[in-house]
C-alpha atoms as a PDB file:
ATOM      1  CA  MET A   1       0.606   0.755  19.268  1.00  0.00           C
ATOM      2  CA  GLY A   2      -1.080   4.023  18.289  1.00  0.00           C
ATOM      3  CA  VAL A   3       0.077   5.385  14.962  1.00  0.00           C
ATOM      4  CA  PRO A   4      -0.838   8.810  13.563  1.00  0.00           C
ATOM      5  CA  GLY A   5      -2.964   8.503  10.458  1.00  0.00           C
ATOM      6  CA  THR A   6      -5.076   5.634  11.736  1.00  0.00           C
ATOM      7  CA  GLN A   7      -8.700   6.080  12.597  1.00  0.00           C
ATOM      8  CA  ALA A   8      -9.561   7.032  16.157  1.00  0.00           C
ATOM      9  CA  GLY A   9      -9.140   4.143  18.545  1.00  0.00           C
ATOM     10  CA  ALA A  10      -7.489   1.927  15.940  1.00  0.00           C
ATOM     11  CA  THR A  11      -4.695  -0.360  16.957  1.00  0.00           C
ATOM     12  CA  ILE A  12      -2.152  -1.756  14.554  1.00  0.00           C
ATOM     13  CA  THR A  13      -1.249  -5.402  14.581  1.00  0.00           C
ATOM     14  CA  LEU A  14       1.710  -5.778  12.280  1.00  0.00           C
ATOM     15  CA  PHE A  15       1.935  -8.801  10.052  1.00  0.00           C
ATOM     16  CA  TRP A  16       5.490 -10.094   9.881  1.00  0.00           C
ATOM     17  CA  SER A  17       7.058 -12.952   8.042  1.00  0.00           C
ATOM     18  CA  TYR A  18      10.183 -14.640   9.292  1.00  0.00           C
ATOM     19  CA  HIS A  19      13.160 -15.753   7.244  1.00  0.00           C
ATOM     20  CA  GLY A  20      15.442 -17.734   9.497  1.00  0.00           C
ATOM     21  CA  ALA A  21      16.214 -15.681  12.594  1.00  0.00           C
ATOM     22  CA  MET A  22      15.818 -12.343  10.788  1.00  0.00           C
ATOM     23  CA  MET A  23      12.580 -10.357  10.774  1.00  0.00           C
ATOM     24  CA  ALA A  24      11.478  -9.240   7.314  1.00  0.00           C
ATOM     25  CA  ARG A  25      10.702  -5.690   6.321  1.00  0.00           C
ATOM     26  CA  ILE A  26       7.270  -4.180   6.779  1.00  0.00           C
ATOM     27  CA  ARG A  27       4.865  -5.496   4.148  1.00  0.00           C
ATOM     28  CA  ALA A  28       2.430  -3.026   2.603  1.00  0.00           C
ATOM     29  CA  VAL A  29      -0.134  -2.772  -0.174  1.00  0.00           C
ATOM     30  CA  ILE A  30      -0.115   0.787  -1.497  1.00  0.00           C
ATOM     31  CA  ASP A  31      -3.527   1.927  -2.730  1.00  0.00           C
ATOM     32  CA  THR A  32      -3.743   3.490  -6.178  1.00  0.00           C
ATOM     33  CA  ASN A  33      -4.577   6.947  -4.795  1.00  0.00           C
ATOM     34  CA  VAL A  34      -1.220   7.016  -2.991  1.00  0.00           C
ATOM     35  CA  VAL A  35       0.732   5.724  -6.015  1.00  0.00           C
ATOM     36  CA  PHE A  36      -0.935   8.290  -8.295  1.00  0.00           C
ATOM     37  CA  GLU A  37      -0.232  11.150  -5.888  1.00  0.00           C
ATOM     38  CA  GLY A  38       3.336   9.999  -5.293  1.00  0.00           C
ATOM     39  CA  LEU A  39       4.162   9.707  -8.991  1.00  0.00           C
ATOM     40  CA  THR A  40       2.478  12.908 -10.150  1.00  0.00           C
ATOM     41  CA  HIS A  41       3.239  15.443  -7.384  1.00  0.00           C
ATOM     42  CA  ARG A  42       6.615  16.314  -5.958  1.00  0.00           C
ATOM     43  CA  GLY A  43       7.100  15.980  -2.249  1.00  0.00           C
ATOM     44  CA  GLY A  44       4.493  15.155   0.311  1.00  0.00           C
ATOM     45  CA  PRO A  45       3.858  11.878   2.126  1.00  0.00           C
ATOM     46  CA  ALA A  46       2.838   9.957  -1.020  1.00  0.00           C
ATOM     47  CA  GLY A  47       6.042  11.018  -2.771  1.00  0.00           C
ATOM     48  CA  ALA A  48       8.068   9.883   0.236  1.00  0.00           C
ATOM     49  CA  ILE A  49       6.326   6.491   0.108  1.00  0.00           C
ATOM     50  CA  VAL A  50       7.166   6.103  -3.582  1.00  0.00           C
ATOM     51  CA  GLY A  51      10.779   6.986  -2.728  1.00  0.00           C
ATOM     52  CA  ALA A  52      10.833   4.469   0.135  1.00  0.00           C
ATOM     53  CA  TRP A  53       9.386   1.823  -2.204  1.00  0.00           C
ATOM     54  CA  MET A  54      12.071   2.577  -4.800  1.00  0.00           C
ATOM     55  CA  ALA A  55      14.745   2.325  -2.075  1.00  0.00           C
ATOM     56  CA  GLU A  56      13.179  -0.969  -0.905  1.00  0.00           C
ATOM     57  CA  LEU A  57      12.727   0.267   2.660  1.00  0.00           C
ATOM     58  CA  PHE A  58       9.589  -1.890   2.892  1.00  0.00           C
ATOM     59  CA  GLN A  59       8.217  -4.833   0.945  1.00  0.00           C
ATOM     60  CA  ALA A  60       5.530  -3.582  -1.418  1.00  0.00           C
ATOM     61  CA  CYS A  61       2.961  -6.254  -2.249  1.00  0.00           C
ATOM     62  CA  VAL A  62       0.957  -6.037  -5.476  1.00  0.00           C
ATOM     63  CA  SER A  63      -1.562  -8.329  -7.150  1.00  0.00           C
ATOM     64  CA  GLN A  64      -2.014  -8.441 -10.912  1.00  0.00           C
ATOM     65  CA  ALA A  65      -5.347  -6.622 -10.501  1.00  0.00           C
ATOM     66  CA  LEU A  66      -3.715  -3.830  -8.508  1.00  0.00           C
ATOM     67  CA  ALA A  67      -0.799  -3.478 -10.959  1.00  0.00           C
ATOM     68  CA  TYR A  68      -3.324  -3.229 -13.783  1.00  0.00           C
ATOM     69  CA  GLU A  69      -5.267  -0.581 -11.854  1.00  0.00           C
ATOM     70  CA  TYR A  70      -2.094   1.486 -11.321  1.00  0.00           C
ATOM     71  CA  GLU A  71      -1.417   1.454 -15.068  1.00  0.00           C
ATOM     72  CA  ASP A  72      -5.039   2.050 -16.036  1.00  0.00           C
ATOM     73  CA  VAL A  73      -5.539   5.055 -13.745  1.00  0.00           C
ATOM     74  CA  LEU A  74      -2.241   6.690 -14.696  1.00  0.00           C
ATOM     75  CA  ALA A  75      -2.793   6.105 -18.438  1.00  0.00           C
ATOM     76  CA  ARG A  76      -6.324   7.554 -18.291  1.00  0.00           C
ATOM     77  CA  LYS A  77      -5.577  10.580 -16.116  1.00  0.00           C
ATOM     78  CA  LEU A  78      -2.241  11.717 -17.539  1.00  0.00           C
ATOM     79  CA  ALA A  79      -1.366  13.261 -20.880  1.00  0.00           C
ATOM     80  CA  PRO A  80       0.269  10.635 -23.136  1.00  0.00           C
ATOM     81  CA  GLU A  81       3.702  12.301 -22.957  1.00  0.00           C
ATOM     82  CA  ARG A  82       3.639  12.467 -19.175  1.00  0.00           C
ATOM     83  CA  TRP A  83       2.389   8.874 -18.889  1.00  0.00           C
ATOM     84  CA  ALA A  84       5.238   7.735 -21.159  1.00  0.00           C
ATOM     85  CA  ARG A  85       7.773   9.283 -18.738  1.00  0.00           C
ATOM     86  CA  ILE A  86       6.089   8.052 -15.547  1.00  0.00           C
ATOM     87  CA  ARG A  87       5.554   4.530 -16.908  1.00  0.00           C
ATOM     88  CA  PHE A  88       9.275   3.773 -16.500  1.00  0.00           C
ATOM     89  CA  VAL A  89       9.108   4.709 -12.830  1.00  0.00           C
ATOM     90  CA  LEU A  90       5.979   2.588 -12.317  1.00  0.00           C
ATOM     91  CA  ASP A  91       7.710  -0.338 -14.025  1.00  0.00           C
ATOM     92  CA  ALA A  92      10.687   0.079 -11.669  1.00  0.00           C
ATOM     93  CA  LEU A  93       8.344   0.089  -8.657  1.00  0.00           C
ATOM     94  CA  LEU A  94       6.519  -3.017  -9.843  1.00  0.00           C
ATOM     95  CA  TYR A  95       9.852  -4.761 -10.420  1.00  0.00           C
ATOM     96  CA  ARG A  96      10.622  -4.208  -6.720  1.00  0.00           C
ATOM     97  CA  ALA A  97       7.209  -5.471  -5.570  1.00  0.00           C
ATOM     98  CA  GLU A  98       6.238  -8.953  -4.481  1.00  0.00           C
ATOM     99  CA  LEU A  99       3.536 -10.369  -6.748  1.00  0.00           C
ATOM    100  CA  VAL A 100       0.685 -11.668  -4.586  1.00  0.00           C
ATOM    101  CA  ASN A 101      -1.688 -14.336  -5.796  1.00  0.00           C
ATOM    102  CA  ALA A 102      -5.181 -13.937  -4.383  1.00  0.00           C
ATOM    103  CA  TYR A 103      -5.943 -17.487  -3.308  1.00  0.00           C
ATOM    104  CA  TYR A 104      -8.893 -16.400  -1.207  1.00  0.00           C
ATOM    105  CA  SER A 105     -11.319 -13.482  -1.329  1.00  0.00           C
ATOM    106  CA  TRP A 106     -12.945 -11.738   1.637  1.00  0.00           C
ATOM    107  CA  ARG A 107     -15.677  -9.961  -0.340  1.00  0.00           C
ATOM    108  CA  PRO A 108     -17.597  -7.876   0.428  1.00  0.00           C
ATOM    109  CA  SER A 109     -15.345  -5.972   2.819  1.00  0.00           C
ATOM    110  CA  SER A 110     -15.732  -2.420   1.532  1.00  0.00           C
ATOM    111  CA  PRO A 111     -18.619  -0.138   0.581  1.00  0.00           C
ATOM    112  CA  ASP A 112     -16.674   0.530  -2.645  1.00  0.00           C
ATOM    113  CA  PRO A 113     -16.466  -2.647  -4.771  1.00  0.00           C
ATOM    114  CA  GLY A 114     -13.441  -1.090  -6.500  1.00  0.00           C
ATOM    115  CA  ASP A 115     -11.454  -1.511  -3.269  1.00  0.00           C
ATOM    116  CA  GLU A 116     -12.088  -5.243  -2.830  1.00  0.00           C
ATOM    117  CA  HIS A 117      -9.003  -6.306  -4.809  1.00  0.00           C
ATOM    118  CA  VAL A 118      -6.833  -4.115  -2.548  1.00  0.00           C
ATOM    119  CA  ILE A 119      -8.252  -5.862   0.531  1.00  0.00           C
ATOM    120  CA  ASP A 120      -7.806  -9.294  -1.071  1.00  0.00           C
ATOM    121  CA  CYS A 121      -4.186  -8.471  -1.918  1.00  0.00           C
ATOM    122  CA  ALA A 122      -3.431  -7.275   1.619  1.00  0.00           C
ATOM    123  CA  MET A 123      -5.096 -10.250   3.288  1.00  0.00           C
ATOM    124  CA  ASN A 124      -3.311 -12.776   1.052  1.00  0.00           C
ATOM    125  CA  ALA A 125       0.010 -10.935   1.512  1.00  0.00           C
ATOM    126  CA  ARG A 126      -0.480 -10.421   5.263  1.00  0.00           C
ATOM    127  CA  ALA A 127       0.263  -6.751   4.692  1.00  0.00           C
ATOM    128  CA  ILE A 128      -0.806  -3.278   5.795  1.00  0.00           C
ATOM    129  CA  ILE A 129      -2.950  -1.190   3.437  1.00  0.00           C
ATOM    130  CA  VAL A 130      -1.722   2.367   2.885  1.00  0.00           C
ATOM    131  CA  THR A 131      -4.449   4.645   1.546  1.00  0.00           C
ATOM    132  CA  SER A 132      -5.656   8.227   1.569  1.00  0.00           C
ATOM    133  CA  ASN A 133      -9.193   6.865   1.782  1.00  0.00           C
ATOM    134  CA  LEU A 134      -9.427   5.381   5.289  1.00  0.00           C
ATOM    135  CA  ARG A 135     -13.238   5.528   5.359  1.00  0.00           C
ATOM    136  CA  ASP A 136     -13.782   2.924   2.613  1.00  0.00           C
ATOM    137  CA  PHE A 137     -11.526   0.441   4.412  1.00  0.00           C
ATOM    138  CA  GLU A 138     -13.135   0.779   7.855  1.00  0.00           C
ATOM    139  CA  LEU A 139     -15.208  -2.420   7.515  1.00  0.00           C
ATOM    140  CA  ALA A 140     -12.102  -4.440   6.600  1.00  0.00           C
ATOM    141  CA  ARG A 141     -10.217  -2.903   9.537  1.00  0.00           C
ATOM    142  CA  VAL A 142     -12.948  -3.814  12.004  1.00  0.00           C
ATOM    143  CA  GLU A 143     -14.130  -7.188  10.695  1.00  0.00           C
ATOM    144  CA  LEU A 144     -10.901  -8.578   9.234  1.00  0.00           C
ATOM    145  CA  HIS A 145      -8.524  -6.845  11.691  1.00  0.00           C
ATOM    146  CA  LEU A 146      -6.634  -5.534   8.679  1.00  0.00           C
ATOM    147  CA  PRO A 147      -4.171  -2.724   9.459  1.00  0.00           C
ATOM    148  CA  ILE A 148      -5.068   0.398   7.485  1.00  0.00           C
ATOM    149  CA  LEU A 149      -2.790   3.449   7.563  1.00  0.00           C
ATOM    150  CA  SER A 150      -2.785   6.870   5.972  1.00  0.00           C
ATOM    151  CA  PRO A 151       0.390   7.868   4.112  1.00  0.00           C
ATOM    152  CA  VAL A 152       1.523   9.927   7.129  1.00  0.00           C
ATOM    153  CA  GLY A 153       0.807   7.034   9.496  1.00  0.00           C
ATOM    154  CA  PHE A 154       2.783   4.647   7.296  1.00  0.00           C
ATOM    155  CA  LEU A 155       5.765   7.009   7.134  1.00  0.00           C
ATOM    156  CA  THR A 156       5.656   7.290  10.923  1.00  0.00           C
ATOM    157  CA  LEU A 157       5.713   3.496  11.168  1.00  0.00           C
ATOM    158  CA  LEU A 158       8.622   3.227   8.707  1.00  0.00           C
ATOM    159  CA  GLN A 159      10.563   5.831  10.669  1.00  0.00           C
ATOM    160  CA  ALA A 160       9.909   4.063  13.971  1.00  0.00           C
ATOM    161  CA  GLU A 161      10.983   0.740  12.459  1.00  0.00           C
ATOM    162  CA  SER A 162      14.179   2.224  11.048  1.00  0.00           C
ATOM    163  CA  GLN A 163      15.030   3.566  14.508  1.00  0.00           C
ATOM    164  CA  GLY A 164      14.486   0.149  16.048  1.00  0.00           C
ATOM    165  CA  SER A 165      11.360   1.074  17.987  1.00  0.00           C
END
């Protein structure tokens, strides 16, 4: 299916897990750039994704490396007082996430070595990657057939899923 926010010509193959006869929620690894934007700016697609994560409208998947990166980036880029307030929200998000163990690595799969742990998390979790940086994940999309969506594309997918499409 074509989804806005994917690269031209990209198709999305959704990874689903089954629990009995019920289909599970969409599984997604949210890149740090989306988490940072969603926690520090009001509104916008990244903020809506953080809200959907908090409401558990999808299954967020996070590895220890990715959780550490969320904390590290926010702690470095925010004033201490602001980080102290936002940390509680990040902790609540991480509480709602599925911890993914990276049993296997697909490196190198990105021109940016700092993105490899995101790819490893998504592959081990059988999840979509949601990022504002589609370009650095193009190799993983093509070679690993890993679904990569922009924040807008992911929100479109969530909306379609909630409407039963």
